[in-house]
Amino acid sequence: MTGRRIHYEDAFEDFLRTQGIPYVAVDDDKQTIFGKASIKSFDFVVYSHEGPNLIVDIKGRKFPDVATAGAKRSTRAWENWITRQDLDGLTRWQDIFGSDFQVVLVFAYWLQGKVNTSPFDDVYFYNNSYYAFMAMPLSAYVSFAQPRSEKWQTIAVPSRIFADNAVDIRRMLNVL
Protein backbone atom coordinates (compact mmCIF):
# COMPACT_ATOMS: atom_id res chain seq x y z
CA MET A 1 0.00 0.00 0.00
CA THR A 2 1.06 3.58 -0.47
CA GLY A 3 1.06 4.68 3.20
CA ARG A 4 -1.26 7.57 2.47
CA ARG A 5 -2.05 8.36 6.14
CA ILE A 6 -5.69 9.01 5.16
CA HIS A 7 -7.63 6.09 6.57
CA TYR A 8 -10.49 6.34 4.05
CA GLU A 9 -8.07 5.92 1.14
CA ASP A 10 -6.10 3.24 2.97
CA ALA A 11 -9.31 1.28 3.59
CA PHE A 12 -10.30 1.52 -0.08
CA GLU A 13 -6.85 0.47 -1.23
CA ASP A 14 -6.95 -2.51 1.13
CA PHE A 15 -10.36 -3.45 -0.28
CA LEU A 16 -9.01 -3.37 -3.85
CA ARG A 17 -5.95 -5.40 -2.89
CA THR A 18 -7.87 -8.10 -1.00
CA GLN A 19 -10.40 -8.43 -3.83
CA GLY A 20 -7.59 -8.87 -6.37
CA ILE A 21 -8.71 -5.84 -8.37
CA PRO A 22 -5.87 -4.29 -10.39
CA TYR A 23 -5.25 -0.63 -9.59
CA VAL A 24 -2.70 2.14 -9.43
CA ALA A 25 -2.67 4.48 -6.44
CA VAL A 26 -1.88 8.08 -7.32
CA ASP A 27 0.69 9.85 -5.17
CA ASP A 28 -1.00 13.01 -3.88
CA ASP A 29 2.36 14.63 -3.20
CA LYS A 30 3.13 14.81 -6.90
CA GLN A 31 1.20 17.66 -8.49
CA THR A 32 0.43 17.08 -12.14
CA ILE A 33 0.80 20.04 -14.43
CA PHE A 34 -0.44 20.25 -18.00
CA GLY A 35 0.99 23.31 -19.67
CA LYS A 36 0.58 26.17 -17.23
CA ALA A 37 -2.55 24.75 -15.61
CA SER A 38 -2.43 22.60 -12.51
CA ILE A 39 -5.10 19.89 -12.29
CA LYS A 40 -6.35 18.57 -8.97
CA SER A 41 -5.36 14.94 -8.68
CA PHE A 42 -7.56 11.88 -8.20
CA ASP A 43 -6.75 8.87 -5.99
CA PHE A 44 -6.82 5.64 -8.03
CA VAL A 45 -6.94 4.19 -11.50
CA VAL A 46 -8.91 0.96 -11.17
CA TYR A 47 -8.82 -1.53 -14.02
CA SER A 48 -12.02 -3.34 -14.83
CA HIS A 49 -12.48 -6.82 -16.29
CA GLU A 50 -15.79 -5.65 -17.75
CA GLY A 51 -16.83 -2.14 -18.70
CA PRO A 52 -14.75 1.00 -18.52
CA ASN A 53 -11.69 1.42 -16.33
CA LEU A 54 -12.30 3.80 -13.44
CA ILE A 55 -10.67 7.06 -12.41
CA VAL A 56 -11.58 7.12 -8.70
CA ASP A 57 -11.62 10.07 -6.36
CA ILE A 58 -12.20 9.04 -2.73
CA LYS A 59 -14.26 11.31 -0.52
CA GLY A 60 -14.12 10.24 3.11
CA ARG A 61 -17.11 10.99 5.31
CA LYS A 62 -18.34 9.80 8.68
CA PHE A 63 -21.71 8.07 8.58
CA PRO A 64 -23.69 8.58 11.79
CA ASP A 65 -25.34 5.86 13.82
CA VAL A 66 -28.75 5.82 12.13
CA ALA A 67 -30.27 4.14 15.18
CA THR A 68 -29.72 7.40 17.07
CA ALA A 69 -32.66 9.78 16.75
CA GLY A 70 -32.25 13.52 16.44
CA ALA A 71 -31.16 16.31 14.14
CA LYS A 72 -27.61 15.00 13.82
CA ARG A 73 -28.83 11.95 11.94
CA SER A 74 -30.52 13.88 9.15
CA THR A 75 -27.73 16.41 8.68
CA ARG A 76 -24.81 13.96 8.46
CA ALA A 77 -26.24 10.81 6.87
CA TRP A 78 -25.36 10.46 3.18
CA GLU A 79 -23.16 13.56 3.24
CA ASN A 80 -21.64 13.82 -0.25
CA TRP A 81 -20.37 17.30 -0.98
CA ILE A 82 -17.42 18.03 -3.26
CA THR A 83 -15.68 21.26 -4.17
CA ARG A 84 -15.93 22.99 -7.53
CA GLN A 85 -12.17 22.44 -7.79
CA ASP A 86 -12.85 18.67 -7.50
CA LEU A 87 -15.46 18.94 -10.24
CA ASP A 88 -13.24 20.97 -12.56
CA GLY A 89 -10.22 18.70 -12.09
CA LEU A 90 -12.15 15.45 -12.50
CA THR A 91 -13.89 16.78 -15.61
CA ARG A 92 -10.49 17.56 -17.11
CA TRP A 93 -9.22 14.08 -16.23
CA GLN A 94 -12.22 12.53 -17.98
CA ASP A 95 -11.31 14.50 -21.12
CA ILE A 96 -7.64 13.46 -20.85
CA PHE A 97 -8.28 9.74 -20.30
CA GLY A 98 -11.14 9.51 -22.80
CA SER A 99 -14.04 7.12 -23.24
CA ASP A 100 -12.18 3.98 -22.11
CA PHE A 101 -12.27 5.43 -18.59
CA GLN A 102 -15.07 6.68 -16.36
CA VAL A 103 -14.54 9.16 -13.54
CA VAL A 104 -16.24 7.91 -10.39
CA LEU A 105 -16.69 9.53 -6.99
CA VAL A 106 -16.42 6.96 -4.21
CA PHE A 107 -17.74 8.15 -0.88
CA ALA A 108 -15.96 6.06 1.73
CA TYR A 109 -18.34 6.19 4.67
CA TRP A 110 -16.73 5.40 8.03
CA LEU A 111 -19.56 3.86 10.02
CA GLN A 112 -20.02 5.46 13.44
CA GLY A 113 -22.70 3.07 14.66
CA LYS A 114 -23.39 -0.63 14.67
CA VAL A 115 -23.07 -2.33 11.29
CA ASN A 116 -26.47 -4.01 11.60
CA THR A 117 -28.22 -0.64 12.00
CA SER A 118 -26.58 0.89 8.93
CA PRO A 119 -28.42 1.13 5.59
CA PHE A 120 -25.57 -0.64 3.74
CA ASP A 121 -25.84 -4.18 2.40
CA ASP A 122 -22.07 -4.65 2.31
CA VAL A 123 -19.45 -3.13 4.57
CA TYR A 124 -15.71 -3.57 4.68
CA PHE A 125 -13.75 -4.11 7.90
CA TYR A 126 -10.36 -2.41 7.98
CA ASN A 127 -8.11 -1.46 10.89
CA ASN A 128 -10.87 -2.02 13.51
CA SER A 129 -13.41 0.12 11.65
CA TYR A 130 -16.22 -0.50 9.19
CA TYR A 131 -16.55 1.31 5.86
CA ALA A 132 -19.12 1.41 3.08
CA PHE A 133 -17.90 2.42 -0.38
CA MET A 134 -20.71 4.07 -2.31
CA ALA A 135 -19.98 5.11 -5.89
CA MET A 136 -21.52 7.42 -8.43
CA PRO A 137 -20.17 8.30 -11.86
CA LEU A 138 -19.22 11.96 -12.04
CA SER A 139 -21.67 12.53 -14.90
CA ALA A 140 -24.60 11.26 -12.79
CA TYR A 141 -23.41 13.21 -9.75
CA VAL A 142 -23.33 16.44 -11.75
CA SER A 143 -26.83 15.84 -13.11
CA PHE A 144 -28.22 15.71 -9.54
CA ALA A 145 -25.90 18.22 -7.83
CA GLN A 146 -26.99 21.54 -6.38
CA PRO A 147 -24.96 24.38 -4.87
CA ARG A 148 -24.19 23.75 -1.20
CA SER A 149 -22.02 26.68 -0.14
CA GLU A 150 -21.04 29.63 -2.25
CA LYS A 151 -18.45 30.67 0.34
CA TRP A 152 -16.72 27.26 0.28
CA GLN A 153 -17.45 26.64 -3.42
CA THR A 154 -19.11 23.29 -2.78
CA ILE A 155 -21.89 21.32 -4.42
CA ALA A 156 -23.82 18.26 -3.22
CA VAL A 157 -26.54 15.87 -4.26
CA PRO A 158 -29.59 15.93 -1.96
CA SER A 159 -29.22 13.07 0.53
CA ARG A 160 -32.28 11.06 -0.52
CA ILE A 161 -31.40 11.32 -4.22
CA PHE A 162 -27.83 10.27 -3.47
CA ALA A 163 -28.97 7.31 -1.33
CA ASP A 164 -31.32 6.17 -4.11
CA ASN A 165 -28.74 6.47 -6.93
CA ALA A 166 -25.30 5.68 -5.51
CA VAL A 167 -24.22 2.04 -5.74
CA ASP A 168 -21.86 -0.09 -3.72
CA ILE A 169 -18.51 -0.08 -5.51
CA ARG A 170 -18.64 -3.89 -5.53
CA ARG A 171 -21.56 -3.68 -7.90
CA MET A 172 -19.74 -1.28 -10.21
CA LEU A 173 -16.69 -3.56 -10.22
CA ASN A 174 -18.78 -6.75 -10.56
CA VAL A 175 -17.35 -8.32 -7.39
CA LEU A 176 -20.57 -8.99 -5.48
Foldseek 3Di string as FASTA:
>chain_A
DPPPVPVLLVLVVVVCVVLVWDKDFDDQVDWDDDDPDTARAATMFTDAPDAATEGEHEAEFEQEQCVDDDDVNQVRHQDDKDAVSVVVRQVVVCVVVDDSYFYKYWYWYWYPHDPVRDPDPDWGDDPNTIIFIWMDTSVVFVVQWDDDDPVRRMIGHNRVVSVVHTHGVCVVRVND
